[in-house]
Amino acid sequence: MNVWVTLLAGIASAAVLGYVKMVRRWHMTLGCRPDEAHAPLPGDELIAVPSLQATHAVSIQAPAVEVWPWLVQMGQGRGGFYSFDRLEQLLGCGIYNVSQIVPSLQRLSVGDGIALHVKAPPLTVAEIQPHRAIVLAGGPELQPGMPEDRSWYQLHTYQGYIWSFTLREQPDGSTRLISRIRVAWNRDHLGHFFRSRVFLEPAHTIMQRKMHRTIKELAEERRRQRQTA
Protein backbone atom coordinates (compact mmCIF):
# COMPACT_ATOMS: atom_id res chain seq x y z
CA MET A 1 0.00 0.00 0.00
CA ASN A 2 2.80 2.42 0.91
CA VAL A 3 4.44 1.69 -2.45
CA TRP A 4 1.28 2.72 -4.31
CA VAL A 5 0.90 5.87 -2.22
CA THR A 6 4.50 6.80 -2.90
CA LEU A 7 4.06 6.09 -6.62
CA LEU A 8 0.88 8.18 -6.85
CA ALA A 9 2.50 10.99 -4.91
CA GLY A 10 5.45 10.92 -7.30
CA ILE A 11 3.19 11.01 -10.35
CA ALA A 12 1.20 13.89 -8.90
CA SER A 13 4.35 15.81 -8.07
CA ALA A 14 5.73 15.26 -11.58
CA ALA A 15 2.44 16.43 -13.11
CA VAL A 16 2.42 19.59 -11.01
CA LEU A 17 6.06 20.30 -11.82
CA GLY A 18 5.44 19.73 -15.53
CA TYR A 19 2.46 22.06 -15.47
CA VAL A 20 4.35 24.82 -13.66
CA LYS A 21 7.52 24.55 -15.79
CA MET A 22 5.96 23.98 -19.20
CA VAL A 23 2.18 24.25 -19.60
CA ARG A 24 1.64 27.19 -17.25
CA ARG A 25 4.43 29.25 -18.77
CA TRP A 26 2.93 28.65 -22.22
CA HIS A 27 -0.71 29.43 -21.47
CA MET A 28 0.04 32.45 -19.26
CA THR A 29 1.67 34.20 -22.25
CA LEU A 30 -0.42 32.67 -25.03
CA GLY A 31 -0.09 34.53 -28.31
CA CYS A 32 2.66 36.85 -27.08
CA ARG A 33 5.82 37.68 -28.95
CA PRO A 34 9.07 37.56 -26.94
CA ASP A 35 9.07 41.33 -26.46
CA GLU A 36 5.43 41.45 -25.28
CA ALA A 37 5.09 38.91 -22.49
CA HIS A 38 6.87 40.98 -19.84
CA ALA A 39 7.06 44.42 -21.45
CA PRO A 40 5.70 47.32 -19.37
CA LEU A 41 2.09 48.11 -20.22
CA PRO A 42 -0.36 50.80 -19.09
CA GLY A 43 -1.71 50.01 -15.63
CA ASP A 44 1.24 47.92 -14.46
CA GLU A 45 2.21 50.60 -11.95
CA LEU A 46 -1.06 50.11 -10.06
CA ILE A 47 0.20 46.72 -8.84
CA ALA A 48 3.97 47.03 -8.68
CA VAL A 49 4.62 43.50 -7.36
CA PRO A 50 1.84 41.15 -8.52
CA SER A 51 1.17 37.73 -7.08
CA LEU A 52 0.41 36.62 -10.61
CA GLN A 53 0.51 38.10 -14.08
CA ALA A 54 -0.89 36.75 -17.34
CA THR A 55 -0.39 38.40 -20.73
CA HIS A 56 -2.12 37.33 -23.94
CA ALA A 57 -2.01 38.81 -27.42
CA VAL A 58 -3.42 38.50 -30.93
CA SER A 59 -2.79 40.15 -34.31
CA ILE A 60 -5.77 41.85 -35.95
CA GLN A 61 -5.73 42.86 -39.61
CA ALA A 62 -7.21 46.28 -38.97
CA PRO A 63 -5.91 49.60 -37.62
CA ALA A 64 -6.28 50.39 -33.93
CA VAL A 65 -9.02 52.95 -34.60
CA GLU A 66 -11.20 50.10 -35.94
CA VAL A 67 -10.46 47.74 -33.06
CA TRP A 68 -11.04 50.37 -30.39
CA PRO A 69 -14.88 50.52 -30.59
CA TRP A 70 -15.16 46.85 -29.67
CA LEU A 71 -13.13 47.40 -26.50
CA VAL A 72 -14.94 50.57 -25.45
CA GLN A 73 -18.35 48.88 -25.36
CA MET A 74 -17.33 45.74 -23.42
CA GLY A 75 -18.84 44.86 -20.06
CA GLN A 76 -21.74 43.11 -18.36
CA GLY A 77 -24.93 44.96 -19.27
CA ARG A 78 -23.04 46.51 -22.19
CA GLY A 79 -21.48 44.71 -25.17
CA GLY A 80 -20.35 41.65 -23.23
CA PHE A 81 -16.81 40.28 -23.29
CA TYR A 82 -16.92 38.46 -26.66
CA SER A 83 -16.16 35.15 -24.97
CA PHE A 84 -18.34 32.12 -24.19
CA ASP A 85 -21.42 34.06 -23.14
CA ARG A 86 -23.61 30.95 -22.81
CA LEU A 87 -21.18 29.61 -20.22
CA GLU A 88 -21.11 33.02 -18.53
CA GLN A 89 -24.91 32.98 -18.42
CA LEU A 90 -24.86 29.52 -16.80
CA LEU A 91 -22.53 30.97 -14.15
CA GLY A 92 -25.03 33.75 -13.48
CA CYS A 93 -22.93 36.55 -14.96
CA GLY A 94 -25.79 37.95 -17.04
CA ILE A 95 -23.47 38.61 -19.98
CA TYR A 96 -24.76 38.77 -23.55
CA ASN A 97 -22.31 39.49 -26.36
CA VAL A 98 -23.11 41.83 -29.22
CA SER A 99 -21.79 41.40 -32.75
CA GLN A 100 -22.03 45.00 -33.86
CA ILE A 101 -20.81 48.44 -32.82
CA VAL A 102 -23.39 50.05 -30.50
CA PRO A 103 -23.22 53.87 -30.78
CA SER A 104 -24.74 54.41 -27.33
CA LEU A 105 -21.89 52.43 -25.73
CA GLN A 106 -19.04 54.33 -27.36
CA ARG A 107 -18.41 56.73 -24.48
CA LEU A 108 -16.08 55.62 -21.71
CA SER A 109 -14.28 57.77 -19.14
CA VAL A 110 -11.96 57.34 -16.17
CA GLY A 111 -14.08 56.50 -13.14
CA ASP A 112 -16.76 54.62 -15.08
CA GLY A 113 -17.66 51.12 -13.94
CA ILE A 114 -17.35 47.93 -16.00
CA ALA A 115 -19.07 44.95 -14.40
CA LEU A 116 -18.01 41.31 -14.69
CA HIS A 117 -21.08 39.83 -12.99
CA VAL A 118 -24.50 41.04 -11.89
CA LYS A 119 -23.58 40.41 -8.24
CA ALA A 120 -20.03 41.78 -8.39
CA PRO A 121 -19.09 45.43 -7.80
CA PRO A 122 -17.90 46.84 -11.14
CA LEU A 123 -14.26 47.35 -11.94
CA THR A 124 -13.25 51.00 -12.28
CA VAL A 125 -11.83 52.48 -15.47
CA ALA A 126 -8.48 53.62 -14.07
CA GLU A 127 -6.91 54.80 -17.32
CA ILE A 128 -8.06 55.38 -20.85
CA GLN A 129 -5.93 56.38 -23.81
CA PRO A 130 -8.15 56.68 -26.92
CA HIS A 131 -7.27 54.12 -29.59
CA ARG A 132 -4.42 52.81 -27.41
CA ALA A 133 -5.29 51.53 -23.94
CA ILE A 134 -8.01 50.81 -21.37
CA VAL A 135 -7.10 49.83 -17.81
CA LEU A 136 -9.70 48.37 -15.44
CA ALA A 137 -8.92 48.16 -11.72
CA GLY A 138 -10.54 46.52 -8.72
CA GLY A 139 -9.98 45.31 -5.19
CA PRO A 140 -9.98 47.09 -1.82
CA GLU A 141 -6.55 48.71 -2.29
CA LEU A 142 -7.51 50.23 -5.64
CA GLN A 143 -11.19 50.77 -4.80
CA PRO A 144 -11.37 52.01 -1.18
CA GLY A 145 -14.72 51.15 0.33
CA MET A 146 -15.36 48.41 -2.21
CA PRO A 147 -18.50 46.48 -1.23
CA GLU A 148 -18.54 42.72 -0.81
CA ASP A 149 -18.46 40.77 -4.04
CA ARG A 150 -21.44 38.39 -3.79
CA SER A 151 -20.56 36.58 -7.02
CA TRP A 152 -18.40 33.45 -7.25
CA TYR A 153 -15.44 35.70 -8.13
CA GLN A 154 -15.18 36.91 -4.48
CA LEU A 155 -12.96 39.72 -5.74
CA HIS A 156 -13.20 41.66 -2.47
CA THR A 157 -10.94 39.04 -0.88
CA TYR A 158 -8.01 40.06 -3.11
CA GLN A 159 -5.87 43.11 -2.42
CA GLY A 160 -6.08 44.43 -5.95
CA TYR A 161 -6.25 43.46 -9.59
CA ILE A 162 -6.03 45.14 -12.97
CA TRP A 163 -7.16 44.06 -16.42
CA SER A 164 -5.57 46.08 -19.20
CA PHE A 165 -6.06 46.18 -22.97
CA THR A 166 -3.37 47.74 -25.13
CA LEU A 167 -3.41 48.33 -28.89
CA ARG A 168 -0.13 48.58 -30.77
CA GLU A 169 -0.26 49.42 -34.46
CA GLN A 170 2.22 47.56 -36.68
CA PRO A 171 4.12 48.79 -39.77
CA ASP A 172 1.90 46.68 -42.05
CA GLY A 173 -1.28 48.38 -40.80
CA SER A 174 -2.35 45.56 -38.49
CA THR A 175 -2.79 45.90 -34.74
CA ARG A 176 -1.55 43.85 -31.82
CA LEU A 177 -4.14 43.55 -29.05
CA ILE A 178 -2.34 42.78 -25.79
CA SER A 179 -4.38 41.96 -22.68
CA ARG A 180 -2.91 41.59 -19.22
CA ILE A 181 -4.12 40.78 -15.73
CA ARG A 182 -2.08 41.52 -12.61
CA VAL A 183 -3.38 40.32 -9.25
CA ALA A 184 -2.13 40.93 -5.71
CA TRP A 185 -3.16 38.84 -2.72
CA ASN A 186 -1.91 38.13 0.77
CA ARG A 187 0.95 35.73 0.15
CA ASP A 188 0.02 33.82 3.32
CA HIS A 189 -3.41 33.09 1.82
CA LEU A 190 -2.92 29.56 0.46
CA GLY A 191 -6.55 29.49 -0.68
CA HIS A 192 -5.84 32.21 -3.22
CA PHE A 193 -2.72 30.44 -4.42
CA PHE A 194 -4.39 27.10 -5.11
CA ARG A 195 -7.65 28.63 -6.38
CA SER A 196 -5.72 30.73 -8.87
CA ARG A 197 -3.33 28.00 -10.03
CA VAL A 198 -5.94 25.24 -10.33
CA PHE A 199 -8.97 27.15 -11.59
CA LEU A 200 -8.70 30.87 -12.29
CA GLU A 201 -5.52 30.88 -14.39
CA PRO A 202 -6.59 28.18 -16.89
CA ALA A 203 -10.14 29.56 -17.00
CA HIS A 204 -8.85 33.07 -17.69
CA THR A 205 -6.62 31.84 -20.53
CA ILE A 206 -9.51 30.01 -22.19
CA MET A 207 -11.91 32.95 -21.88
CA GLN A 208 -9.30 35.55 -22.86
CA ARG A 209 -8.31 33.54 -25.93
CA LYS A 210 -11.94 33.35 -27.04
CA MET A 211 -12.35 37.09 -26.44
CA HIS A 212 -9.31 37.86 -28.59
CA ARG A 213 -10.42 35.59 -31.42
CA THR A 214 -13.92 37.06 -31.45
CA ILE A 215 -12.72 40.67 -31.48
CA LYS A 216 -10.30 39.76 -34.27
CA GLU A 217 -13.09 38.20 -36.34
CA LEU A 218 -15.51 41.07 -35.73
CA ALA A 219 -12.99 43.81 -36.50
CA GLU A 220 -11.65 42.11 -39.61
CA GLU A 221 -15.11 41.31 -40.96
CA ARG A 222 -16.29 44.88 -40.39
CA ARG A 223 -13.19 46.15 -42.19
CA ARG A 224 -13.89 43.88 -45.17
CA GLN A 225 -17.48 45.13 -45.34
CA ARG A 226 -16.37 48.76 -45.25
CA GLN A 227 -13.79 48.16 -48.00
CA THR A 228 -16.31 46.49 -50.31
CA ALA A 229 -19.18 48.87 -49.61
C-alpha atoms as a PDB file:
ATOM      1  CA  MET A   1       0.000   0.000   0.000  1.00  0.00           C
ATOM      2  CA  ASN A   2       2.800   2.415   0.908  1.00  0.00           C
ATOM      3  CA  VAL A   3       4.436   1.689  -2.448  1.00  0.00           C
ATOM      4  CA  TRP A   4       1.281   2.723  -4.310  1.00  0.00           C
ATOM      5  CA  VAL A   5       0.898   5.865  -2.223  1.00  0.00           C
ATOM      6  CA  THR A   6       4.499   6.800  -2.896  1.00  0.00           C
ATOM      7  CA  LEU A   7       4.064   6.094  -6.621  1.00  0.00           C
ATOM      8  CA  LEU A   8       0.878   8.175  -6.851  1.00  0.00           C
ATOM      9  CA  ALA A   9       2.502  10.991  -4.909  1.00  0.00           C
ATOM     10  CA  GLY A  10       5.449  10.920  -7.304  1.00  0.00           C
ATOM     11  CA  ILE A  11       3.187  11.007 -10.355  1.00  0.00           C
ATOM     12  CA  ALA A  12       1.199  13.889  -8.899  1.00  0.00           C
ATOM     13  CA  SER A  13       4.352  15.813  -8.065  1.00  0.00           C
ATOM     14  CA  ALA A  14       5.734  15.261 -11.581  1.00  0.00           C
ATOM     15  CA  ALA A  15       2.435  16.429 -13.105  1.00  0.00           C
ATOM     16  CA  VAL A  16       2.417  19.586 -11.013  1.00  0.00           C
ATOM     17  CA  LEU A  17       6.062  20.296 -11.823  1.00  0.00           C
ATOM     18  CA  GLY A  18       5.438  19.730 -15.535  1.00  0.00           C
ATOM     19  CA  TYR A  19       2.459  22.061 -15.467  1.00  0.00           C
ATOM     20  CA  VAL A  20       4.347  24.818 -13.660  1.00  0.00           C
ATOM     21  CA  LYS A  21       7.518  24.551 -15.787  1.00  0.00           C
ATOM     22  CA  MET A  22       5.956  23.984 -19.198  1.00  0.00           C
ATOM     23  CA  VAL A  23       2.185  24.252 -19.597  1.00  0.00           C
ATOM     24  CA  ARG A  24       1.643  27.189 -17.247  1.00  0.00           C
ATOM     25  CA  ARG A  25       4.432  29.253 -18.770  1.00  0.00           C
ATOM     26  CA  TRP A  26       2.928  28.650 -22.220  1.00  0.00           C
ATOM     27  CA  HIS A  27      -0.711  29.427 -21.469  1.00  0.00           C
ATOM     28  CA  MET A  28       0.040  32.450 -19.258  1.00  0.00           C
ATOM     29  CA  THR A  29       1.670  34.198 -22.249  1.00  0.00           C
ATOM     30  CA  LEU A  30      -0.422  32.674 -25.031  1.00  0.00           C
ATOM     31  CA  GLY A  31      -0.089  34.529 -28.314  1.00  0.00           C
ATOM     32  CA  CYS A  32       2.663  36.848 -27.081  1.00  0.00           C
ATOM     33  CA  ARG A  33       5.825  37.676 -28.954  1.00  0.00           C
ATOM     34  CA  PRO A  34       9.071  37.558 -26.941  1.00  0.00           C
ATOM     35  CA  ASP A  35       9.071  41.325 -26.457  1.00  0.00           C
ATOM     36  CA  GLU A  36       5.432  41.446 -25.280  1.00  0.00           C
ATOM     37  CA  ALA A  37       5.086  38.906 -22.485  1.00  0.00           C
ATOM     38  CA  HIS A  38       6.865  40.982 -19.835  1.00  0.00           C
ATOM     39  CA  ALA A  39       7.059  44.418 -21.455  1.00  0.00           C
ATOM     40  CA  PRO A  40       5.700  47.323 -19.372  1.00  0.00           C
ATOM     41  CA  LEU A  41       2.087  48.109 -20.215  1.00  0.00           C
ATOM     42  CA  PRO A  42      -0.363  50.803 -19.095  1.00  0.00           C
ATOM     43  CA  GLY A  43      -1.712  50.013 -15.626  1.00  0.00           C
ATOM     44  CA  ASP A  44       1.242  47.917 -14.457  1.00  0.00           C
ATOM     45  CA  GLU A  45       2.213  50.601 -11.953  1.00  0.00           C
ATOM     46  CA  LEU A  46      -1.061  50.113 -10.060  1.00  0.00           C
ATOM     47  CA  ILE A  47       0.195  46.722  -8.840  1.00  0.00           C
ATOM     48  CA  ALA A  48       3.968  47.035  -8.679  1.00  0.00           C
ATOM     49  CA  VAL A  49       4.618  43.504  -7.361  1.00  0.00           C
ATOM     50  CA  PRO A  50       1.841  41.148  -8.524  1.00  0.00           C
ATOM     51  CA  SER A  51       1.172  37.733  -7.079  1.00  0.00           C
ATOM     52  CA  LEU A  52       0.412  36.621 -10.610  1.00  0.00           C
ATOM     53  CA  GLN A  53       0.512  38.103 -14.079  1.00  0.00           C
ATOM     54  CA  ALA A  54      -0.890  36.753 -17.338  1.00  0.00           C
ATOM     55  CA  THR A  55      -0.390  38.403 -20.730  1.00  0.00           C
ATOM     56  CA  HIS A  56      -2.116  37.330 -23.942  1.00  0.00           C
ATOM     57  CA  ALA A  57      -2.007  38.807 -27.422  1.00  0.00           C
ATOM     58  CA  VAL A  58      -3.423  38.502 -30.930  1.00  0.00           C
ATOM     59  CA  SER A  59      -2.794  40.145 -34.310  1.00  0.00           C
ATOM     60  CA  ILE A  60      -5.765  41.851 -35.946  1.00  0.00           C
ATOM     61  CA  GLN A  61      -5.731  42.857 -39.606  1.00  0.00           C
ATOM     62  CA  ALA A  62      -7.215  46.280 -38.966  1.00  0.00           C
ATOM     63  CA  PRO A  63      -5.907  49.597 -37.623  1.00  0.00           C
ATOM     64  CA  ALA A  64      -6.282  50.394 -33.927  1.00  0.00           C
ATOM     65  CA  VAL A  65      -9.019  52.945 -34.598  1.00  0.00           C
ATOM     66  CA  GLU A  66     -11.201  50.104 -35.937  1.00  0.00           C
ATOM     67  CA  VAL A  67     -10.463  47.737 -33.061  1.00  0.00           C
ATOM     68  CA  TRP A  68     -11.043  50.367 -30.386  1.00  0.00           C
ATOM     69  CA  PRO A  69     -14.882  50.523 -30.594  1.00  0.00           C
ATOM     70  CA  TRP A  70     -15.162  46.848 -29.671  1.00  0.00           C
ATOM     71  CA  LEU A  71     -13.125  47.404 -26.497  1.00  0.00           C
ATOM     72  CA  VAL A  72     -14.939  50.573 -25.450  1.00  0.00           C
ATOM     73  CA  GLN A  73     -18.347  48.876 -25.358  1.00  0.00           C
ATOM     74  CA  MET A  74     -17.327  45.742 -23.417  1.00  0.00           C
ATOM     75  CA  GLY A  75     -18.841  44.859 -20.063  1.00  0.00           C
ATOM     76  CA  GLN A  76     -21.741  43.113 -18.362  1.00  0.00           C
ATOM     77  CA  GLY A  77     -24.931  44.964 -19.266  1.00  0.00           C
ATOM     78  CA  ARG A  78     -23.039  46.510 -22.191  1.00  0.00           C
ATOM     79  CA  GLY A  79     -21.482  44.707 -25.169  1.00  0.00           C
ATOM     80  CA  GLY A  80     -20.351  41.649 -23.232  1.00  0.00           C
ATOM     81  CA  PHE A  81     -16.808  40.279 -23.288  1.00  0.00           C
ATOM     82  CA  TYR A  82     -16.919  38.457 -26.657  1.00  0.00           C
ATOM     83  CA  SER A  83     -16.160  35.151 -24.973  1.00  0.00           C
ATOM     84  CA  PHE A  84     -18.337  32.121 -24.194  1.00  0.00           C
ATOM     85  CA  ASP A  85     -21.422  34.056 -23.136  1.00  0.00           C
ATOM     86  CA  ARG A  86     -23.614  30.952 -22.806  1.00  0.00           C
ATOM     87  CA  LEU A  87     -21.181  29.613 -20.220  1.00  0.00           C
ATOM     88  CA  GLU A  88     -21.105  33.019 -18.525  1.00  0.00           C
ATOM     89  CA  GLN A  89     -24.909  32.977 -18.417  1.00  0.00           C
ATOM     90  CA  LEU A  90     -24.865  29.525 -16.798  1.00  0.00           C
ATOM     91  CA  LEU A  91     -22.535  30.973 -14.154  1.00  0.00           C
ATOM     92  CA  GLY A  92     -25.034  33.752 -13.476  1.00  0.00           C
ATOM     93  CA  CYS A  93     -22.935  36.552 -14.963  1.00  0.00           C
ATOM     94  CA  GLY A  94     -25.795  37.947 -17.038  1.00  0.00           C
ATOM     95  CA  ILE A  95     -23.466  38.606 -19.983  1.00  0.00           C
ATOM     96  CA  TYR A  96     -24.756  38.769 -23.554  1.00  0.00           C
ATOM     97  CA  ASN A  97     -22.311  39.488 -26.361  1.00  0.00           C
ATOM     98  CA  VAL A  98     -23.106  41.832 -29.218  1.00  0.00           C
ATOM     99  CA  SER A  99     -21.787  41.401 -32.746  1.00  0.00           C
ATOM    100  CA  GLN A 100     -22.035  45.002 -33.860  1.00  0.00           C
ATOM    101  CA  ILE A 101     -20.813  48.438 -32.819  1.00  0.00           C
ATOM    102  CA  VAL A 102     -23.394  50.045 -30.501  1.00  0.00           C
ATOM    103  CA  PRO A 103     -23.217  53.867 -30.783  1.00  0.00           C
ATOM    104  CA  SER A 104     -24.744  54.408 -27.333  1.00  0.00           C
ATOM    105  CA  LEU A 105     -21.888  52.430 -25.730  1.00  0.00           C
ATOM    106  CA  GLN A 106     -19.038  54.333 -27.359  1.00  0.00           C
ATOM    107  CA  ARG A 107     -18.410  56.730 -24.476  1.00  0.00           C
ATOM    108  CA  LEU A 108     -16.084  55.620 -21.711  1.00  0.00           C
ATOM    109  CA  SER A 109     -14.285  57.767 -19.142  1.00  0.00           C
ATOM    110  CA  VAL A 110     -11.965  57.345 -16.172  1.00  0.00           C
ATOM    111  CA  GLY A 111     -14.079  56.502 -13.140  1.00  0.00           C
ATOM    112  CA  ASP A 112     -16.756  54.621 -15.078  1.00  0.00           C
ATOM    113  CA  GLY A 113     -17.656  51.116 -13.938  1.00  0.00           C
ATOM    114  CA  ILE A 114     -17.348  47.934 -15.996  1.00  0.00           C
ATOM    115  CA  ALA A 115     -19.073  44.953 -14.402  1.00  0.00           C
ATOM    116  CA  LEU A 116     -18.006  41.309 -14.689  1.00  0.00           C
ATOM    117  CA  HIS A 117     -21.076  39.831 -12.987  1.00  0.00           C
ATOM    118  CA  VAL A 118     -24.498  41.042 -11.892  1.00  0.00           C
ATOM    119  CA  LYS A 119     -23.583  40.407  -8.242  1.00  0.00           C
ATOM    120  CA  ALA A 120     -20.030  41.777  -8.390  1.00  0.00           C
ATOM    121  CA  PRO A 121     -19.092  45.433  -7.803  1.00  0.00           C
ATOM    122  CA  PRO A 122     -17.904  46.839 -11.139  1.00  0.00           C
ATOM    123  CA  LEU A 123     -14.264  47.355 -11.938  1.00  0.00           C
ATOM    124  CA  THR A 124     -13.252  51.002 -12.284  1.00  0.00           C
ATOM    125  CA  VAL A 125     -11.829  52.482 -15.465  1.00  0.00           C
ATOM    126  CA  ALA A 126      -8.479  53.619 -14.066  1.00  0.00           C
ATOM    127  CA  GLU A 127      -6.908  54.800 -17.318  1.00  0.00           C
ATOM    128  CA  ILE A 128      -8.059  55.378 -20.853  1.00  0.00           C
ATOM    129  CA  GLN A 129      -5.933  56.383 -23.813  1.00  0.00           C
ATOM    130  CA  PRO A 130      -8.148  56.678 -26.921  1.00  0.00           C
ATOM    131  CA  HIS A 131      -7.266  54.119 -29.593  1.00  0.00           C
ATOM    132  CA  ARG A 132      -4.424  52.810 -27.410  1.00  0.00           C
ATOM    133  CA  ALA A 133      -5.292  51.535 -23.936  1.00  0.00           C
ATOM    134  CA  ILE A 134      -8.007  50.809 -21.370  1.00  0.00           C
ATOM    135  CA  VAL A 135      -7.098  49.827 -17.806  1.00  0.00           C
ATOM    136  CA  LEU A 136      -9.703  48.371 -15.442  1.00  0.00           C
ATOM    137  CA  ALA A 137      -8.924  48.158 -11.724  1.00  0.00           C
ATOM    138  CA  GLY A 138     -10.544  46.522  -8.724  1.00  0.00           C
ATOM    139  CA  GLY A 139      -9.977  45.311  -5.193  1.00  0.00           C
ATOM    140  CA  PRO A 140      -9.976  47.089  -1.819  1.00  0.00           C
ATOM    141  CA  GLU A 141      -6.554  48.712  -2.286  1.00  0.00           C
ATOM    142  CA  LEU A 142      -7.515  50.233  -5.640  1.00  0.00           C
ATOM    143  CA  GLN A 143     -11.185  50.771  -4.805  1.00  0.00           C
ATOM    144  CA  PRO A 144     -11.366  52.012  -1.185  1.00  0.00           C
ATOM    145  CA  GLY A 145     -14.721  51.153   0.328  1.00  0.00           C
ATOM    146  CA  MET A 146     -15.365  48.415  -2.209  1.00  0.00           C
ATOM    147  CA  PRO A 147     -18.502  46.483  -1.227  1.00  0.00           C
ATOM    148  CA  GLU A 148     -18.536  42.723  -0.808  1.00  0.00           C
ATOM    149  CA  ASP A 149     -18.460  40.771  -4.041  1.00  0.00           C
ATOM    150  CA  ARG A 150     -21.445  38.395  -3.787  1.00  0.00           C
ATOM    151  CA  SER A 151     -20.558  36.581  -7.017  1.00  0.00           C
ATOM    152  CA  TRP A 152     -18.404  33.450  -7.253  1.00  0.00           C
ATOM    153  CA  TYR A 153     -15.441  35.701  -8.127  1.00  0.00           C
ATOM    154  CA  GLN A 154     -15.180  36.908  -4.476  1.00  0.00           C
ATOM    155  CA  LEU A 155     -12.963  39.724  -5.740  1.00  0.00           C
ATOM    156  CA  HIS A 156     -13.197  41.662  -2.469  1.00  0.00           C
ATOM    157  CA  THR A 157     -10.938  39.042  -0.877  1.00  0.00           C
ATOM    158  CA  TYR A 158      -8.007  40.056  -3.115  1.00  0.00           C
ATOM    159  CA  GLN A 159      -5.874  43.106  -2.417  1.00  0.00           C
ATOM    160  CA  GLY A 160      -6.080  44.433  -5.949  1.00  0.00           C
ATOM    161  CA  TYR A 161      -6.252  43.460  -9.587  1.00  0.00           C
ATOM    162  CA  ILE A 162      -6.031  45.142 -12.970  1.00  0.00           C
ATOM    163  CA  TRP A 163      -7.155  44.063 -16.420  1.00  0.00           C
ATOM    164  CA  SER A 164      -5.571  46.077 -19.205  1.00  0.00           C
ATOM    165  CA  PHE A 165      -6.064  46.176 -22.965  1.00  0.00           C
ATOM    166  CA  THR A 166      -3.374  47.744 -25.128  1.00  0.00           C
ATOM    167  CA  LEU A 167      -3.412  48.326 -28.886  1.00  0.00           C
ATOM    168  CA  ARG A 168      -0.135  48.577 -30.768  1.00  0.00           C
ATOM    169  CA  GLU A 169      -0.258  49.415 -34.465  1.00  0.00           C
ATOM    170  CA  GLN A 170       2.222  47.563 -36.677  1.00  0.00           C
ATOM    171  CA  PRO A 171       4.118  48.793 -39.770  1.00  0.00           C
ATOM    172  CA  ASP A 172       1.902  46.681 -42.053  1.00  0.00           C
ATOM    173  CA  GLY A 173      -1.282  48.381 -40.801  1.00  0.00           C
ATOM    174  CA  SER A 174      -2.349  45.558 -38.493  1.00  0.00           C
ATOM    175  CA  THR A 175      -2.788  45.896 -34.737  1.00  0.00           C
ATOM    176  CA  ARG A 176      -1.554  43.845 -31.817  1.00  0.00           C
ATOM    177  CA  LEU A 177      -4.145  43.551 -29.053  1.00  0.00           C
ATOM    178  CA  ILE A 178      -2.339  42.780 -25.787  1.00  0.00           C
ATOM    179  CA  SER A 179      -4.377  41.957 -22.685  1.00  0.00           C
ATOM    180  CA  ARG A 180      -2.907  41.588 -19.222  1.00  0.00           C
ATOM    181  CA  ILE A 181      -4.118  40.783 -15.726  1.00  0.00           C
ATOM    182  CA  ARG A 182      -2.081  41.518 -12.609  1.00  0.00           C
ATOM    183  CA  VAL A 183      -3.375  40.324  -9.254  1.00  0.00           C
ATOM    184  CA  ALA A 184      -2.133  40.927  -5.712  1.00  0.00           C
ATOM    185  CA  TRP A 185      -3.160  38.843  -2.724  1.00  0.00           C
ATOM    186  CA  ASN A 186      -1.914  38.134   0.765  1.00  0.00           C
ATOM    187  CA  ARG A 187       0.954  35.727   0.151  1.00  0.00           C
ATOM    188  CA  ASP A 188       0.023  33.820   3.317  1.00  0.00           C
ATOM    189  CA  HIS A 189      -3.409  33.093   1.817  1.00  0.00           C
ATOM    190  CA  LEU A 190      -2.923  29.560   0.456  1.00  0.00           C
ATOM    191  CA  GLY A 191      -6.553  29.491  -0.676  1.00  0.00           C
ATOM    192  CA  HIS A 192      -5.840  32.206  -3.221  1.00  0.00           C
ATOM    193  CA  PHE A 193      -2.716  30.444  -4.421  1.00  0.00           C
ATOM    194  CA  PHE A 194      -4.391  27.097  -5.108  1.00  0.00           C
ATOM    195  CA  ARG A 195      -7.647  28.632  -6.385  1.00  0.00           C
ATOM    196  CA  SER A 196      -5.720  30.728  -8.875  1.00  0.00           C
ATOM    197  CA  ARG A 197      -3.331  28.002 -10.027  1.00  0.00           C
ATOM    198  CA  VAL A 198      -5.939  25.239 -10.333  1.00  0.00           C
ATOM    199  CA  PHE A 199      -8.971  27.150 -11.592  1.00  0.00           C
ATOM    200  CA  LEU A 200      -8.696  30.866 -12.292  1.00  0.00           C
ATOM    201  CA  GLU A 201      -5.517  30.881 -14.389  1.00  0.00           C
ATOM    202  CA  PRO A 202      -6.589  28.175 -16.892  1.00  0.00           C
ATOM    203  CA  ALA A 203     -10.142  29.564 -17.003  1.00  0.00           C
ATOM    204  CA  HIS A 204      -8.846  33.070 -17.690  1.00  0.00           C
ATOM    205  CA  THR A 205      -6.616  31.840 -20.532  1.00  0.00           C
ATOM    206  CA  ILE A 206      -9.512  30.006 -22.189  1.00  0.00           C
ATOM    207  CA  MET A 207     -11.913  32.953 -21.878  1.00  0.00           C
ATOM    208  CA  GLN A 208      -9.301  35.551 -22.861  1.00  0.00           C
ATOM    209  CA  ARG A 209      -8.313  33.536 -25.928  1.00  0.00           C
ATOM    210  CA  LYS A 210     -11.939  33.355 -27.038  1.00  0.00           C
ATOM    211  CA  MET A 211     -12.347  37.093 -26.437  1.00  0.00           C
ATOM    212  CA  HIS A 212      -9.312  37.862 -28.588  1.00  0.00           C
ATOM    213  CA  ARG A 213     -10.416  35.594 -31.417  1.00  0.00           C
ATOM    214  CA  THR A 214     -13.923  37.062 -31.452  1.00  0.00           C
ATOM    215  CA  ILE A 215     -12.717  40.674 -31.475  1.00  0.00           C
ATOM    216  CA  LYS A 216     -10.295  39.757 -34.269  1.00  0.00           C
ATOM    217  CA  GLU A 217     -13.085  38.197 -36.340  1.00  0.00           C
ATOM    218  CA  LEU A 218     -15.509  41.070 -35.734  1.00  0.00           C
ATOM    219  CA  ALA A 219     -12.993  43.810 -36.497  1.00  0.00           C
ATOM    220  CA  GLU A 220     -11.645  42.111 -39.611  1.00  0.00           C
ATOM    221  CA  GLU A 221     -15.114  41.314 -40.963  1.00  0.00           C
ATOM    222  CA  ARG A 222     -16.294  44.883 -40.392  1.00  0.00           C
ATOM    223  CA  ARG A 223     -13.194  46.150 -42.192  1.00  0.00           C
ATOM    224  CA  ARG A 224     -13.893  43.882 -45.167  1.00  0.00           C
ATOM    225  CA  GLN A 225     -17.482  45.130 -45.337  1.00  0.00           C
ATOM    226  CA  ARG A 226     -16.367  48.759 -45.252  1.00  0.00           C
ATOM    227  CA  GLN A 227     -13.786  48.155 -48.000  1.00  0.00           C
ATOM    228  CA  THR A 228     -16.311  46.485 -50.314  1.00  0.00           C
ATOM    229  CA  ALA A 229     -19.181  48.872 -49.607  1.00  0.00           C
END
